[in-house]
Amino acid sequence: MKKFKVGILTFSDGRKYIHEDLLATNLRYQNRLAEALEATGQVEVVAGTEIIWTPKIARREAQRLAAEGVEITIFNYAIWAFPHLTGVASKFAPGPHLLFCNLHPSEPGMVAMLAAAGMMDQLGTAYKRLWGDISEPSVLRQVLSYIRAACALARLRGQTYGLFGGRPLGMLTAVANQDEWLSKFGIDVEHVEQWDIMRYAQEVNSAKVEAAFAWLEHHVGHIHYNGAALTPEKLKLQIRSYYALRRIIDERELDFLGIKAHGDLTDHFVTVDVAEAFLNDPYDWDGPKEPFVAATEADMDGALTMQIMKHITGETVLFADVRHYDTADDVWYLANSGTHATFFAGGSHDPVVNLKKVSFFPEVFYYPAGGASVQHFAAPGAITLARLARKNGKYWLAIVPAQFIEFPEEVARAKAATTTPEWPHAFARLSVTPDEFLASYPCNHIHGCYGDWVDELVNVAAILGIESKIYRT
């Protein structure tokens, strides 16, 4: 994952003799902040070359950060600093802005931060306040959380979403306003015909297809050919669809995508379950790669949620339906035919570890074109689930902390048999009652990454100026 590029500007007293007297103090705090961030291995710091004590320096240093392409700027306060200098810098330094100060009785950085924050409020400029000793893990964690959120949103700007096929199965929750996407998130939408997948698939080099097919046959735990819905030829056509999508991604310069699939591809070509799974995976048969967000059922807000979470974590993101609540074991069944990447079978970046737990089953009769359904059970662990949604024309963010639960295989298969056993399943235990969850969760689709990313998602919502709801009792 590319490091988060963070700018740091430190502010000083506008009186020359005081500025010069406390210059070493300011530099010491700036260096401590920069060193702590870079020591995480996640951050590239672009620090100010001058401590800011005049408006000209404020403008010049902020413009330099913009030219360097930083994704967020930290305004740092170690001593009393003239607030108007922050106001000048905020007009040029890339935002959102994080106001950070030390807590030391003889060094009034807190006073400076509060004065600057009040001015930012008056200006209507978005920012966040954090304070403390950056060497303390809890403080560093809060700063990193905001950096991840801010940079995730910064990385959306200028990206292109590939929309293959349009609205699926009448789901209005899967369709978003393209004007709003461009104005609010900076994302353009490129419409692509599903026919292009079918057309490009026929042009894929056969040797590449055979190599990928051999790799899958060697590594996938079980491939249940049945001579009808799933044959070697249909699996090879799914491989071709993957390569076709990779070519379209390159030619159209897509950054993430969604595929309708239903009806057109599932009736007359082949399902794209294999292609969607391996696009989302951190590997394919050609080796390690960056996960590429591909949402099934052309779910725009689902894909957007996934893309934000990928930018935050650098990891593969889940796409699933909220399929069933099991009262006996207090678990939710999360299952969907496509996009549930094989990564979740073992939670490993090594495909060998994951794929031995994966089975390819013949597609169900609802998809008469056939192909392989990518089936497995998600590995146990803490996970953060989420969904961007709209209510009364306004976006909001549902955040669902959870645990994926592992059952003995025979138990897991028995549970899956009550839904659609050919599909991948994750068994999730939520931190909220089923009544509360079902009363307000915004749609049938849900997305997530292993780990605790609640703070990052709360910060995402705050930066966007939208409400968030954490489903936690």
Protein backbone atom coordinates (compact mmCIF):
# COMPACT_ATOMS: atom_id res chain seq x y z
CA MET A 1 0.00 0.00 0.00
CA LYS A 2 1.27 3.45 -0.92
CA LYS A 3 2.23 5.46 2.15
CA PHE A 4 -0.02 8.27 3.31
CA LYS A 5 1.59 11.58 2.34
CA VAL A 6 1.24 13.99 5.25
CA GLY A 7 2.32 17.62 5.48
CA ILE A 8 3.30 19.27 8.77
CA LEU A 9 3.34 23.02 9.34
CA THR A 10 4.38 24.41 12.73
CA PHE A 11 3.28 27.88 13.82
CA SER A 12 5.04 30.46 15.92
CA ASP A 13 4.70 33.81 17.63
CA GLY A 14 4.53 36.69 15.14
CA ARG A 15 7.01 38.76 17.17
CA LYS A 16 10.48 38.17 15.73
CA TYR A 17 12.39 38.10 19.00
CA ILE A 18 10.02 35.59 20.58
CA HIS A 19 9.93 33.47 17.44
CA GLU A 20 13.71 33.30 17.37
CA ASP A 21 13.98 32.60 21.09
CA LEU A 22 11.61 29.60 20.82
CA LEU A 23 12.66 28.35 17.38
CA ALA A 24 14.51 25.35 18.82
CA THR A 25 11.43 24.37 20.83
CA ASN A 26 9.22 24.50 17.76
CA LEU A 27 11.66 22.48 15.70
CA ARG A 28 11.96 19.87 18.44
CA TYR A 29 8.20 19.31 18.53
CA GLN A 30 7.91 19.26 14.74
CA ASN A 31 10.71 16.69 14.46
CA ARG A 32 9.16 14.51 17.18
CA LEU A 33 5.85 14.49 15.35
CA ALA A 34 7.43 13.71 12.00
CA GLU A 35 9.64 10.95 13.41
CA ALA A 36 6.75 9.29 15.25
CA LEU A 37 4.62 9.22 12.12
CA GLU A 38 7.36 7.92 9.85
CA ALA A 39 8.31 5.24 12.38
CA THR A 40 4.94 3.59 11.75
CA GLY A 41 6.03 2.71 8.22
CA GLN A 42 2.67 3.98 6.96
CA VAL A 43 3.38 7.68 6.54
CA GLU A 44 5.61 9.80 4.33
CA VAL A 45 6.05 13.18 6.00
CA VAL A 46 6.63 16.44 4.15
CA ALA A 47 7.58 18.81 6.94
CA GLY A 48 7.77 22.57 6.76
CA THR A 49 11.22 23.91 5.95
CA GLU A 50 10.49 27.03 7.99
CA ILE A 51 8.59 27.55 11.21
CA ILE A 52 5.74 29.91 10.28
CA TRP A 53 5.80 33.35 11.92
CA THR A 54 4.77 35.66 9.05
CA PRO A 55 1.92 35.52 6.51
CA LYS A 56 4.37 35.27 3.59
CA ILE A 57 6.02 32.23 5.12
CA ALA A 58 2.59 30.72 5.84
CA ARG A 59 1.58 31.10 2.20
CA ARG A 60 4.91 29.89 0.83
CA GLU A 61 5.13 26.80 3.04
CA ALA A 62 1.49 25.86 2.42
CA GLN A 63 1.93 26.24 -1.34
CA ARG A 64 5.03 24.01 -1.16
CA LEU A 65 3.01 21.25 0.52
CA ALA A 66 0.38 21.52 -2.21
CA ALA A 67 3.09 21.26 -4.86
CA GLU A 68 4.48 18.17 -3.10
CA GLY A 69 1.07 16.51 -3.34
CA VAL A 70 0.39 15.95 0.34
CA GLU A 71 -3.01 14.40 1.11
CA ILE A 72 -3.60 16.01 4.50
CA THR A 73 -1.91 18.82 6.45
CA ILE A 74 -1.23 18.79 10.18
CA PHE A 75 -1.09 22.25 11.76
CA ASN A 76 1.25 21.84 14.73
CA TYR A 77 1.32 24.04 17.85
CA ALA A 78 4.06 23.85 20.49
CA ILE A 79 4.01 27.44 21.76
CA TRP A 80 1.70 30.42 21.52
CA ALA A 81 1.22 31.18 17.80
CA PHE A 82 -0.62 34.00 16.06
CA PRO A 83 -3.91 32.45 14.83
CA HIS A 84 -4.13 34.44 11.61
CA LEU A 85 -1.10 32.55 10.32
CA THR A 86 -3.16 29.36 10.43
CA GLY A 87 -5.92 31.12 8.53
CA VAL A 88 -3.52 32.09 5.74
CA ALA A 89 -1.98 28.62 5.54
CA SER A 90 -5.40 26.96 5.48
CA LYS A 91 -6.17 28.66 2.17
CA PHE A 92 -3.28 26.89 0.43
CA ALA A 93 -2.30 23.76 2.37
CA PRO A 94 -4.18 20.64 1.24
CA GLY A 95 -7.01 19.71 3.58
CA PRO A 96 -8.64 18.38 5.55
CA HIS A 97 -6.59 19.95 8.32
CA LEU A 98 -5.66 18.37 11.64
CA LEU A 99 -4.87 20.83 14.45
CA PHE A 100 -2.44 19.15 16.86
CA CYS A 101 -0.85 20.47 20.04
CA ASN A 102 1.25 19.34 22.94
CA LEU A 103 0.06 19.49 26.55
CA HIS A 104 2.76 21.23 28.58
CA PRO A 105 2.13 23.97 31.17
CA SER A 106 5.19 26.04 30.25
CA GLU A 107 4.70 25.70 26.48
CA PRO A 108 1.20 26.95 25.61
CA GLY A 109 0.60 25.02 22.41
CA MET A 110 -2.92 24.24 23.63
CA VAL A 111 -3.70 27.94 23.86
CA ALA A 112 -2.52 28.45 20.30
CA MET A 113 -4.54 25.49 19.02
CA LEU A 114 -7.73 26.70 20.70
CA ALA A 115 -7.29 30.19 19.29
CA ALA A 116 -6.63 28.82 15.80
CA ALA A 117 -9.57 26.41 16.07
CA GLY A 118 -11.94 29.18 17.02
CA MET A 119 -10.80 31.16 14.00
CA MET A 120 -11.27 28.11 11.75
CA ASP A 121 -14.82 27.78 13.08
CA GLN A 122 -15.49 31.40 12.22
CA LEU A 123 -14.14 30.83 8.70
CA GLY A 124 -16.24 27.70 8.22
CA THR A 125 -13.15 25.64 7.43
CA ALA A 126 -13.35 21.90 8.19
CA TYR A 127 -10.73 20.53 10.57
CA LYS A 128 -10.22 18.24 13.57
CA ARG A 129 -8.53 18.90 16.93
CA LEU A 130 -6.20 16.41 18.62
CA TRP A 131 -3.74 16.91 21.46
CA GLY A 132 -1.18 15.14 23.63
CA ASP A 133 2.25 13.55 23.53
CA ILE A 134 2.76 11.91 20.13
CA SER A 135 5.01 9.31 21.77
CA GLU A 136 1.99 7.91 23.62
CA PRO A 137 0.40 5.02 21.66
CA SER A 138 -3.16 6.24 22.25
CA VAL A 139 -2.35 9.69 20.86
CA LEU A 140 -0.48 8.31 17.88
CA ARG A 141 -3.40 5.96 17.19
CA GLN A 142 -5.85 8.87 17.08
CA VAL A 143 -3.62 10.85 14.73
CA LEU A 144 -3.16 7.86 12.43
CA SER A 145 -6.89 7.21 12.40
CA TYR A 146 -7.58 10.70 11.11
CA ILE A 147 -4.73 10.49 8.61
CA ARG A 148 -6.10 7.24 7.18
CA ALA A 149 -9.60 8.66 6.85
CA ALA A 150 -8.49 11.92 5.29
CA CYS A 151 -6.12 10.26 2.84
CA ALA A 152 -8.71 7.66 1.86
CA LEU A 153 -11.06 10.44 0.80
CA ALA A 154 -8.25 12.39 -0.86
CA ARG A 155 -7.45 9.33 -2.97
CA LEU A 156 -11.01 9.18 -4.27
CA ARG A 157 -10.64 12.53 -6.01
CA GLY A 158 -10.04 12.09 -9.71
CA GLN A 159 -10.83 8.38 -9.69
CA THR A 160 -13.12 6.67 -12.20
CA TYR A 161 -15.76 4.07 -11.41
CA GLY A 162 -16.61 1.62 -14.17
CA LEU A 163 -20.36 0.93 -14.26
CA PHE A 164 -21.04 -2.27 -16.19
CA GLY A 165 -24.66 -2.81 -17.12
CA GLY A 166 -26.68 -0.41 -14.96
CA ARG A 167 -29.27 -1.02 -12.25
CA PRO A 168 -29.58 -4.66 -11.13
CA LEU A 169 -32.79 -6.41 -10.12
CA GLY A 170 -34.63 -3.15 -9.46
CA MET A 171 -32.33 -2.16 -6.55
CA LEU A 172 -32.46 1.62 -6.23
CA THR A 173 -29.97 1.38 -3.34
CA ALA A 174 -27.40 0.22 -5.90
CA VAL A 175 -27.75 3.35 -8.04
CA ALA A 176 -26.25 6.71 -7.09
CA ASN A 177 -26.42 10.26 -8.46
CA GLN A 178 -23.41 10.84 -10.69
CA ASP A 179 -23.50 14.61 -10.19
CA GLU A 180 -23.28 14.09 -6.43
CA TRP A 181 -20.45 11.59 -6.78
CA LEU A 182 -18.40 14.10 -8.74
CA SER A 183 -19.18 17.05 -6.47
CA LYS A 184 -18.99 15.26 -3.10
CA PHE A 185 -16.33 12.60 -3.69
CA GLY A 186 -14.55 13.76 -6.86
CA ILE A 187 -15.39 10.51 -8.67
CA ASP A 188 -16.36 10.22 -12.34
CA VAL A 189 -18.55 7.38 -13.61
CA GLU A 190 -17.71 5.65 -16.88
CA HIS A 191 -20.49 3.50 -18.36
CA VAL A 192 -19.24 0.28 -19.94
CA GLU A 193 -21.25 -2.28 -21.88
CA GLN A 194 -21.26 -5.81 -20.50
CA TRP A 195 -20.96 -6.90 -24.10
CA ASP A 196 -17.38 -5.62 -23.97
CA ILE A 197 -16.54 -8.33 -21.43
CA MET A 198 -17.95 -10.99 -23.75
CA ARG A 199 -16.19 -9.52 -26.78
CA TYR A 200 -12.79 -9.06 -25.13
CA ALA A 201 -12.95 -12.53 -23.56
CA GLN A 202 -12.73 -14.14 -26.97
CA GLU A 203 -9.46 -12.30 -27.68
CA VAL A 204 -7.56 -13.52 -24.60
CA ASN A 205 -4.42 -15.51 -25.30
CA SER A 206 -5.24 -19.21 -24.92
CA ALA A 207 -1.89 -20.02 -23.32
CA LYS A 208 -2.63 -17.57 -20.51
CA VAL A 209 -6.03 -19.16 -19.98
CA GLU A 210 -4.57 -22.67 -19.84
CA ALA A 211 -1.91 -21.59 -17.33
CA ALA A 212 -4.51 -19.97 -15.09
CA PHE A 213 -6.78 -23.00 -15.39
CA ALA A 214 -3.95 -25.33 -14.36
CA TRP A 215 -3.13 -23.08 -11.39
CA LEU A 216 -6.74 -23.14 -10.20
CA GLU A 217 -7.04 -26.89 -10.60
CA HIS A 218 -3.86 -27.32 -8.56
CA HIS A 219 -4.69 -24.89 -5.72
CA VAL A 220 -8.49 -24.82 -5.31
CA GLY A 221 -9.57 -27.34 -2.70
CA HIS A 222 -12.39 -28.89 -4.74
CA ILE A 223 -13.80 -28.17 -8.19
CA HIS A 224 -17.15 -29.92 -8.55
CA TYR A 225 -17.55 -30.33 -12.29
CA ASN A 226 -20.98 -31.67 -13.20
CA GLY A 227 -20.82 -31.77 -16.99
CA ALA A 228 -23.47 -29.08 -17.33
CA ALA A 229 -23.40 -25.85 -15.31
CA LEU A 230 -19.73 -26.31 -14.47
CA THR A 231 -17.33 -27.75 -17.00
CA PRO A 232 -13.65 -27.05 -17.69
CA GLU A 233 -14.74 -25.00 -20.69
CA LYS A 234 -17.04 -22.79 -18.61
CA LEU A 235 -14.33 -22.25 -15.99
CA LYS A 236 -11.93 -21.25 -18.75
CA LEU A 237 -14.52 -18.78 -20.03
CA GLN A 238 -14.67 -17.28 -16.52
CA ILE A 239 -10.89 -16.93 -16.62
CA ARG A 240 -11.24 -15.19 -19.97
CA SER A 241 -13.78 -12.81 -18.40
CA TYR A 242 -11.21 -11.92 -15.73
CA TYR A 243 -8.57 -11.07 -18.34
CA ALA A 244 -11.18 -9.16 -20.35
CA LEU A 245 -11.98 -7.03 -17.32
CA ARG A 246 -8.29 -6.40 -16.65
CA ARG A 247 -7.93 -5.14 -20.22
CA ILE A 248 -10.98 -2.89 -19.94
CA ILE A 249 -9.67 -1.55 -16.62
CA ASP A 250 -6.38 -0.62 -18.28
CA GLU A 251 -7.91 0.83 -21.45
CA ARG A 252 -10.60 2.88 -19.67
CA GLU A 253 -8.30 3.76 -16.75
CA LEU A 254 -10.81 2.52 -14.18
CA ASP A 255 -10.02 2.66 -10.47
CA PHE A 256 -12.88 0.46 -9.24
CA LEU A 257 -15.99 -1.03 -10.79
CA GLY A 258 -19.34 -2.74 -10.45
CA ILE A 259 -20.91 -5.37 -12.71
CA LYS A 260 -24.65 -5.93 -13.09
CA ALA A 261 -24.14 -9.50 -14.41
CA HIS A 262 -27.76 -10.59 -13.77
CA GLY A 263 -29.71 -11.40 -16.88
CA ASP A 264 -27.19 -10.49 -19.57
CA LEU A 265 -24.08 -12.36 -18.45
CA THR A 266 -25.75 -14.92 -16.18
CA ASP A 267 -28.20 -15.99 -18.92
CA HIS A 268 -26.12 -15.77 -22.09
CA PHE A 269 -22.39 -15.84 -21.24
CA VAL A 270 -21.12 -17.08 -17.90
CA THR A 271 -21.16 -15.71 -14.36
CA VAL A 272 -18.35 -13.37 -13.31
CA ASP A 273 -18.01 -14.78 -9.79
CA VAL A 274 -14.46 -15.99 -10.43
CA ALA A 275 -13.47 -12.69 -12.03
CA GLU A 276 -14.96 -10.59 -9.22
CA ALA A 277 -13.37 -12.73 -6.51
CA PHE A 278 -9.87 -12.51 -7.96
CA LEU A 279 -10.14 -8.82 -8.81
CA ASN A 280 -10.79 -8.18 -5.11
CA ASP A 281 -8.08 -10.61 -3.99
CA PRO A 282 -4.50 -9.49 -3.21
CA TYR A 283 -3.27 -12.06 -5.75
CA ASP A 284 -4.27 -14.00 -8.82
CA TRP A 285 -2.68 -16.83 -10.76
CA ASP A 286 -0.10 -14.38 -12.12
CA GLY A 287 1.17 -13.45 -8.64
CA PRO A 288 0.66 -10.85 -5.89
CA LYS A 289 -1.20 -7.66 -6.80
CA GLU A 290 -3.14 -4.80 -5.27
CA PRO A 291 -6.78 -5.64 -4.55
CA PHE A 292 -9.08 -4.04 -7.12
CA VAL A 293 -12.56 -3.26 -5.82
CA ALA A 294 -15.23 -4.97 -7.93
CA ALA A 295 -18.80 -4.83 -6.62
CA THR A 296 -21.33 -7.34 -7.76
CA GLU A 297 -24.81 -6.25 -8.90
CA ALA A 298 -23.27 -2.94 -10.03
CA ASP A 299 -23.81 -1.57 -6.53
CA MET A 300 -22.42 1.96 -6.69
CA ASP A 301 -22.63 2.91 -3.02
CA GLY A 302 -21.40 -0.59 -2.15
CA ALA A 303 -18.38 -0.14 -4.40
CA LEU A 304 -17.78 3.33 -2.94
CA THR A 305 -17.87 1.95 0.61
CA MET A 306 -15.41 -0.76 -0.43
CA GLN A 307 -13.08 1.70 -2.15
CA ILE A 308 -12.95 3.93 0.93
CA MET A 309 -12.23 0.95 3.16
CA LYS A 310 -9.54 -0.28 0.80
CA HIS A 311 -7.88 3.14 0.85
CA ILE A 312 -8.00 3.13 4.65
CA THR A 313 -6.66 -0.39 5.17
CA GLY A 314 -4.87 -1.41 1.99
CA GLU A 315 -6.67 -4.74 2.30
CA THR A 316 -9.33 -6.75 0.50
CA VAL A 317 -12.90 -5.71 1.30
CA LEU A 318 -15.90 -7.99 1.71
CA PHE A 319 -19.11 -7.71 -0.30
CA ALA A 320 -22.07 -9.76 0.92
CA ASP A 321 -25.82 -9.90 1.43
CA VAL A 322 -27.27 -9.82 4.92
CA ARG A 323 -28.93 -13.17 4.31
CA HIS A 324 -30.22 -14.59 7.59
CA TYR A 325 -30.17 -14.26 11.39
CA ASP A 326 -29.64 -17.51 13.30
CA THR A 327 -31.34 -17.09 16.68
CA ALA A 328 -29.92 -20.33 18.08
CA ASP A 329 -26.27 -19.26 17.73
CA ASP A 330 -26.77 -15.48 17.55
CA VAL A 331 -25.00 -15.17 14.21
CA TRP A 332 -25.84 -13.48 10.95
CA TYR A 333 -25.26 -15.29 7.66
CA LEU A 334 -23.50 -12.97 5.19
CA ALA A 335 -23.59 -14.53 1.73
CA ASN A 336 -23.65 -13.49 -1.91
CA SER A 337 -22.86 -15.25 -5.17
CA GLY A 338 -20.16 -12.83 -6.30
CA THR A 339 -17.34 -10.61 -5.00
CA HIS A 340 -16.68 -12.54 -1.77
CA ALA A 341 -12.91 -12.76 -2.37
CA THR A 342 -11.00 -15.96 -1.63
CA PHE A 343 -8.82 -13.93 0.76
CA PHE A 344 -11.53 -14.32 3.38
CA ALA A 345 -11.28 -18.12 3.35
CA GLY A 346 -8.04 -17.94 5.33
CA GLY A 347 -7.33 -14.26 5.84
CA SER A 348 -3.89 -14.76 4.31
CA HIS A 349 -1.98 -12.99 1.54
CA ASP A 350 -0.75 -16.43 0.48
CA PRO A 351 -3.22 -17.90 -2.05
CA VAL A 352 -2.14 -21.43 -1.18
CA VAL A 353 -3.39 -20.97 2.39
CA ASN A 354 -6.76 -19.63 1.29
CA LEU A 355 -7.54 -21.65 -1.81
CA LYS A 356 -7.22 -25.04 -0.15
CA LYS A 357 -10.33 -23.97 1.82
CA VAL A 358 -12.20 -22.91 -1.33
CA SER A 359 -14.55 -25.01 -3.46
CA PHE A 360 -15.91 -24.26 -6.91
CA PHE A 361 -19.50 -25.42 -7.20
CA PRO A 362 -21.77 -25.36 -10.27
CA GLU A 363 -23.81 -22.18 -10.38
CA VAL A 364 -27.40 -22.44 -9.18
CA PHE A 365 -30.24 -22.76 -11.70
CA TYR A 366 -31.04 -19.04 -11.43
CA TYR A 367 -27.92 -18.49 -13.55
CA PRO A 368 -28.52 -20.70 -16.59
CA ALA A 369 -25.31 -19.69 -18.37
CA GLY A 370 -23.43 -21.57 -15.64
CA GLY A 371 -19.87 -21.33 -14.40
CA ALA A 372 -18.20 -21.78 -11.05
CA SER A 373 -19.55 -20.36 -7.82
CA VAL A 374 -16.65 -19.52 -5.49
CA GLN A 375 -17.60 -21.13 -2.15
CA HIS A 376 -15.86 -20.94 1.23
CA PHE A 377 -16.39 -19.90 4.85
CA ALA A 378 -14.81 -16.72 6.13
CA ALA A 379 -11.95 -17.08 8.59
CA PRO A 380 -12.69 -16.00 12.17
CA GLY A 381 -11.61 -12.64 13.55
CA ALA A 382 -12.62 -9.11 14.37
CA ILE A 383 -14.11 -7.28 11.40
CA THR A 384 -15.54 -3.83 10.78
CA LEU A 385 -18.58 -3.83 8.52
CA ALA A 386 -19.99 -0.68 6.94
CA ARG A 387 -22.26 0.82 4.34
CA LEU A 388 -22.60 4.27 2.81
CA ALA A 389 -26.28 4.93 2.21
CA ARG A 390 -28.74 7.72 1.46
CA LYS A 391 -31.85 8.80 3.34
CA ASN A 392 -34.03 11.70 2.27
CA GLY A 393 -31.39 12.67 -0.27
CA LYS A 394 -28.51 12.77 2.23
CA TYR A 395 -25.64 10.34 2.67
CA TRP A 396 -24.98 8.67 6.01
CA LEU A 397 -22.63 5.92 7.12
CA ALA A 398 -23.60 2.73 8.93
CA ILE A 399 -20.71 1.24 10.94
CA VAL A 400 -21.08 -2.29 12.28
CA PRO A 401 -18.32 -3.73 14.52
CA ALA A 402 -18.48 -7.53 14.48
CA GLN A 403 -16.71 -10.82 14.89
CA PHE A 404 -16.57 -13.53 12.24
CA ILE A 405 -17.27 -16.85 13.95
CA GLU A 406 -15.84 -20.20 12.90
CA PHE A 407 -17.90 -23.37 13.20
CA PRO A 408 -16.75 -26.95 12.62
CA GLU A 409 -16.99 -27.64 8.91
CA GLU A 410 -19.94 -29.99 9.16
CA VAL A 411 -21.85 -27.41 11.21
CA ALA A 412 -20.95 -24.60 8.81
CA ARG A 413 -22.08 -26.64 5.81
CA ALA A 414 -25.34 -27.53 7.53
CA LYS A 415 -26.01 -23.86 8.18
CA ALA A 416 -25.11 -22.89 4.62
CA ALA A 417 -27.41 -25.63 3.31
CA THR A 418 -30.36 -23.72 4.76
CA THR A 419 -29.58 -20.78 2.44
CA THR A 420 -27.56 -21.33 -0.77
CA PRO A 421 -24.80 -23.86 -0.10
CA GLU A 422 -22.97 -23.07 -3.33
CA TRP A 423 -22.22 -19.52 -2.15
CA PRO A 424 -19.52 -18.19 0.18
CA HIS A 425 -20.62 -17.49 3.75
CA ALA A 426 -19.39 -15.45 6.67
CA PHE A 427 -20.95 -16.04 10.07
CA ALA A 428 -20.98 -12.71 11.90
CA ARG A 429 -21.78 -11.93 15.50
CA LEU A 430 -22.73 -8.28 15.84
CA SER A 431 -22.47 -5.98 18.84
CA VAL A 432 -26.10 -4.93 18.58
CA THR A 433 -29.49 -6.60 18.95
CA PRO A 434 -31.13 -7.97 15.81
CA ASP A 435 -34.16 -5.73 16.40
CA GLU A 436 -32.04 -2.58 16.40
CA PHE A 437 -30.01 -3.69 13.40
CA LEU A 438 -32.99 -4.69 11.26
CA ALA A 439 -34.91 -1.55 12.21
CA SER A 440 -32.47 0.84 10.57
CA TYR A 441 -29.67 -0.87 8.60
CA PRO A 442 -30.02 0.76 5.17
CA CYS A 443 -29.99 -2.04 2.58
CA ASN A 444 -29.35 -5.70 1.80
CA HIS A 445 -25.62 -5.35 1.03
CA ILE A 446 -22.80 -5.05 3.57
CA HIS A 447 -19.03 -4.60 3.30
CA GLY A 448 -16.05 -4.93 5.60
CA CYS A 449 -12.38 -5.44 6.44
CA TYR A 450 -10.72 -7.50 9.14
CA GLY A 451 -9.67 -5.37 12.12
CA ASP A 452 -11.07 -2.43 14.08
CA TRP A 453 -11.61 0.54 11.76
CA VAL A 454 -14.49 2.20 13.60
CA ASP A 455 -12.57 5.39 14.43
CA GLU A 456 -11.38 5.76 10.85
CA LEU A 457 -14.93 5.44 9.52
CA VAL A 458 -16.28 7.91 12.07
CA ASN A 459 -13.61 10.34 10.86
CA VAL A 460 -14.59 9.68 7.24
CA ALA A 461 -18.17 10.66 8.01
CA ALA A 462 -17.05 13.77 9.90
CA ILE A 463 -14.83 14.92 7.04
CA LEU A 464 -17.67 14.38 4.56
CA GLY A 465 -20.03 16.26 6.82
CA ILE A 466 -22.47 13.36 7.08
CA GLU A 467 -23.97 11.46 10.00
CA SER A 468 -22.64 8.11 11.15
CA LYS A 469 -24.29 5.45 13.26
CA ILE A 470 -22.30 2.80 15.10
CA TYR A 471 -24.31 -0.39 15.60
CA ARG A 472 -22.98 -1.20 19.03
CA THR A 473 -24.95 -1.63 22.22
